[in-house]
C-alpha atoms as a PDB file:
ATOM      1  CA  UNK A   1      43.423  57.805 -18.322  1.00  0.00           C
ATOM      2  CA  UNK A   2      42.244  58.765 -14.687  1.00  0.00           C
ATOM      3  CA  UNK A   3      39.123  60.551 -16.042  1.00  0.00           C
ATOM      4  CA  UNK A   4      38.193  57.167 -17.930  1.00  0.00           C
ATOM      5  CA  UNK A   5      38.858  54.928 -14.847  1.00  0.00           C
ATOM      6  CA  UNK A   6      36.759  57.385 -12.860  1.00  0.00           C
ATOM      7  CA  UNK A   7      33.800  57.227 -15.211  1.00  0.00           C
ATOM      8  CA  UNK A   8      34.068  53.491 -15.695  1.00  0.00           C
ATOM      9  CA  UNK A   9      34.349  53.054 -11.700  1.00  0.00           C
ATOM     10  CA  UNK A  10      31.068  54.981 -11.196  1.00  0.00           C
ATOM     11  CA  UNK A  11      29.478  53.036 -13.673  1.00  0.00           C
ATOM     12  CA  UNK A  12      30.556  49.765 -12.466  1.00  0.00           C
ATOM     13  CA  UNK A  13      29.443  50.994  -9.171  1.00  0.00           C
ATOM     14  CA  UNK A  14      25.521  51.882 -10.125  1.00  0.00           C
ATOM     15  CA  UNK A  15      25.483  48.481 -11.716  1.00  0.00           C
ATOM     16  CA  UNK A  16      26.842  46.686  -9.265  1.00  0.00           C
ATOM     17  CA  UNK A  17      24.342  48.100  -6.818  1.00  0.00           C
ATOM     18  CA  UNK A  18      21.224  47.572  -9.543  1.00  0.00           C
ATOM     19  CA  UNK A  19      22.474  43.897 -10.057  1.00  0.00           C
ATOM     20  CA  UNK A  20      22.732  43.175  -6.399  1.00  0.00           C
ATOM     21  CA  UNK A  21      19.033  44.438  -5.869  1.00  0.00           C
ATOM     22  CA  UNK A  22      18.014  42.305  -8.531  1.00  0.00           C
ATOM     23  CA  UNK A  23      19.023  38.990  -6.957  1.00  0.00           C
ATOM     24  CA  UNK A  24      16.207  37.121  -4.969  1.00  0.00           C
ATOM     25  CA  UNK A  25      16.180  36.821  -1.568  1.00  0.00           C
ATOM     26  CA  UNK A  26      17.602  33.530   0.079  1.00  0.00           C
ATOM     27  CA  UNK A  27      15.646  33.671   3.338  1.00  0.00           C
ATOM     28  CA  UNK A  28      16.638  34.827   6.788  1.00  0.00           C
ATOM     29  CA  UNK A  29      17.474  38.316   5.795  1.00  0.00           C
ATOM     30  CA  UNK A  30      15.683  41.512   5.378  1.00  0.00           C
ATOM     31  CA  UNK A  31      13.846  40.215   2.240  1.00  0.00           C
ATOM     32  CA  UNK A  32      11.932  37.553   4.501  1.00  0.00           C
ATOM     33  CA  UNK A  33      11.141  40.466   7.002  1.00  0.00           C
ATOM     34  CA  UNK A  34       9.355  42.267   4.200  1.00  0.00           C
ATOM     35  CA  UNK A  35       7.316  39.012   2.932  1.00  0.00           C
ATOM     36  CA  UNK A  36      10.302  37.706   0.517  1.00  0.00           C
ATOM     37  CA  UNK A  37      10.521  34.636   2.489  1.00  0.00           C
ATOM     38  CA  UNK A  38       6.468  33.509   1.682  1.00  0.00           C
ATOM     39  CA  UNK A  39       7.368  31.878  -1.342  1.00  0.00           C
ATOM     40  CA  UNK A  40      10.228  28.816  -1.431  1.00  0.00           C
ATOM     41  CA  UNK A  41      11.546  27.827  -5.204  1.00  0.00           C
ATOM     42  CA  UNK A  42      12.425  23.894  -4.370  1.00  0.00           C
ATOM     43  CA  UNK A  43      13.542  23.692  -7.845  1.00  0.00           C
ATOM     44  CA  UNK A  44      17.018  25.402  -7.026  1.00  0.00           C
ATOM     45  CA  UNK A  45      18.625  28.600  -9.126  1.00  0.00           C
ATOM     46  CA  UNK A  46      17.132  29.209 -12.462  1.00  0.00           C
ATOM     47  CA  UNK A  47      19.290  30.210 -15.387  1.00  0.00           C
ATOM     48  CA  UNK A  48      18.497  33.888 -14.818  1.00  0.00           C
ATOM     49  CA  UNK A  49      19.876  33.944 -11.346  1.00  0.00           C
ATOM     50  CA  UNK A  50      22.910  32.052 -12.460  1.00  0.00           C
ATOM     51  CA  UNK A  51      23.422  34.623 -15.120  1.00  0.00           C
ATOM     52  CA  UNK A  52      22.679  37.241 -13.109  1.00  0.00           C
ATOM     53  CA  UNK A  53      25.435  35.505 -10.529  1.00  0.00           C
ATOM     54  CA  UNK A  54      27.877  35.920 -13.270  1.00  0.00           C
ATOM     55  CA  UNK A  55      27.307  39.435 -14.126  1.00  0.00           C
ATOM     56  CA  UNK A  56      27.782  40.690 -10.588  1.00  0.00           C
ATOM     57  CA  UNK A  57      30.603  39.418 -10.055  1.00  0.00           C
ATOM     58  CA  UNK A  58      32.236  40.447 -13.724  1.00  0.00           C
ATOM     59  CA  UNK A  59      31.007  43.926 -12.560  1.00  0.00           C
ATOM     60  CA  UNK A  60      32.844  43.480  -9.130  1.00  0.00           C
ATOM     61  CA  UNK A  61      35.827  42.477 -10.670  1.00  0.00           C
ATOM     62  CA  UNK A  62      35.848  45.682 -13.193  1.00  0.00           C
ATOM     63  CA  UNK A  63      35.216  47.738 -10.156  1.00  0.00           C
ATOM     64  CA  UNK A  64      37.972  46.193  -8.479  1.00  0.00           C
ATOM     65  CA  UNK A  65      40.417  46.439 -11.311  1.00  0.00           C
ATOM     66  CA  UNK A  66      39.263  50.346 -11.260  1.00  0.00           C
ATOM     67  CA  UNK A  67      39.916  51.076  -7.704  1.00  0.00           C
ATOM     68  CA  UNK A  68      43.439  49.285  -7.623  1.00  0.00           C
ATOM     69  CA  UNK A  69      44.362  51.153 -11.080  1.00  0.00           C
ATOM     70  CA  UNK A  70      43.148  54.711 -10.089  1.00  0.00           C
ATOM     71  CA  UNK A  71      45.561  54.010  -6.383  1.00  0.00           C
ATOM     72  CA  UNK A  72      48.245  52.881  -8.434  1.00  0.00           C
ATOM     73  CA  UNK A  73      47.704  56.104 -10.748  1.00  0.00           C
ATOM     74  CA  UNK A  74      47.847  58.406  -7.960  1.00  0.00           C
ATOM     75  CA  UNK A  75      50.359  56.867  -5.861  1.00  0.00           C
ATOM     76  CA  UNK A  76      52.977  57.075  -8.622  1.00  0.00           C
ATOM     77  CA  UNK A  77      51.987  60.318 -10.515  1.00  0.00           C
END
């Protein structure tokens, strides 16, 4: 059980890193420093960006559940 949770945790960590890096920069951060703030999207968030937000949040919840479950397994074994 612990090995399965550890594998899921590693996969969720890698996926969450990729999903966060796929987000478009909102300006004012490091993305605008390297030229990411040159374009401005006046139409707001696209469907792809909203879906990417949902998948990122879902991956973060899975990651958090794995962390808590692994800590509980370690505490009670």
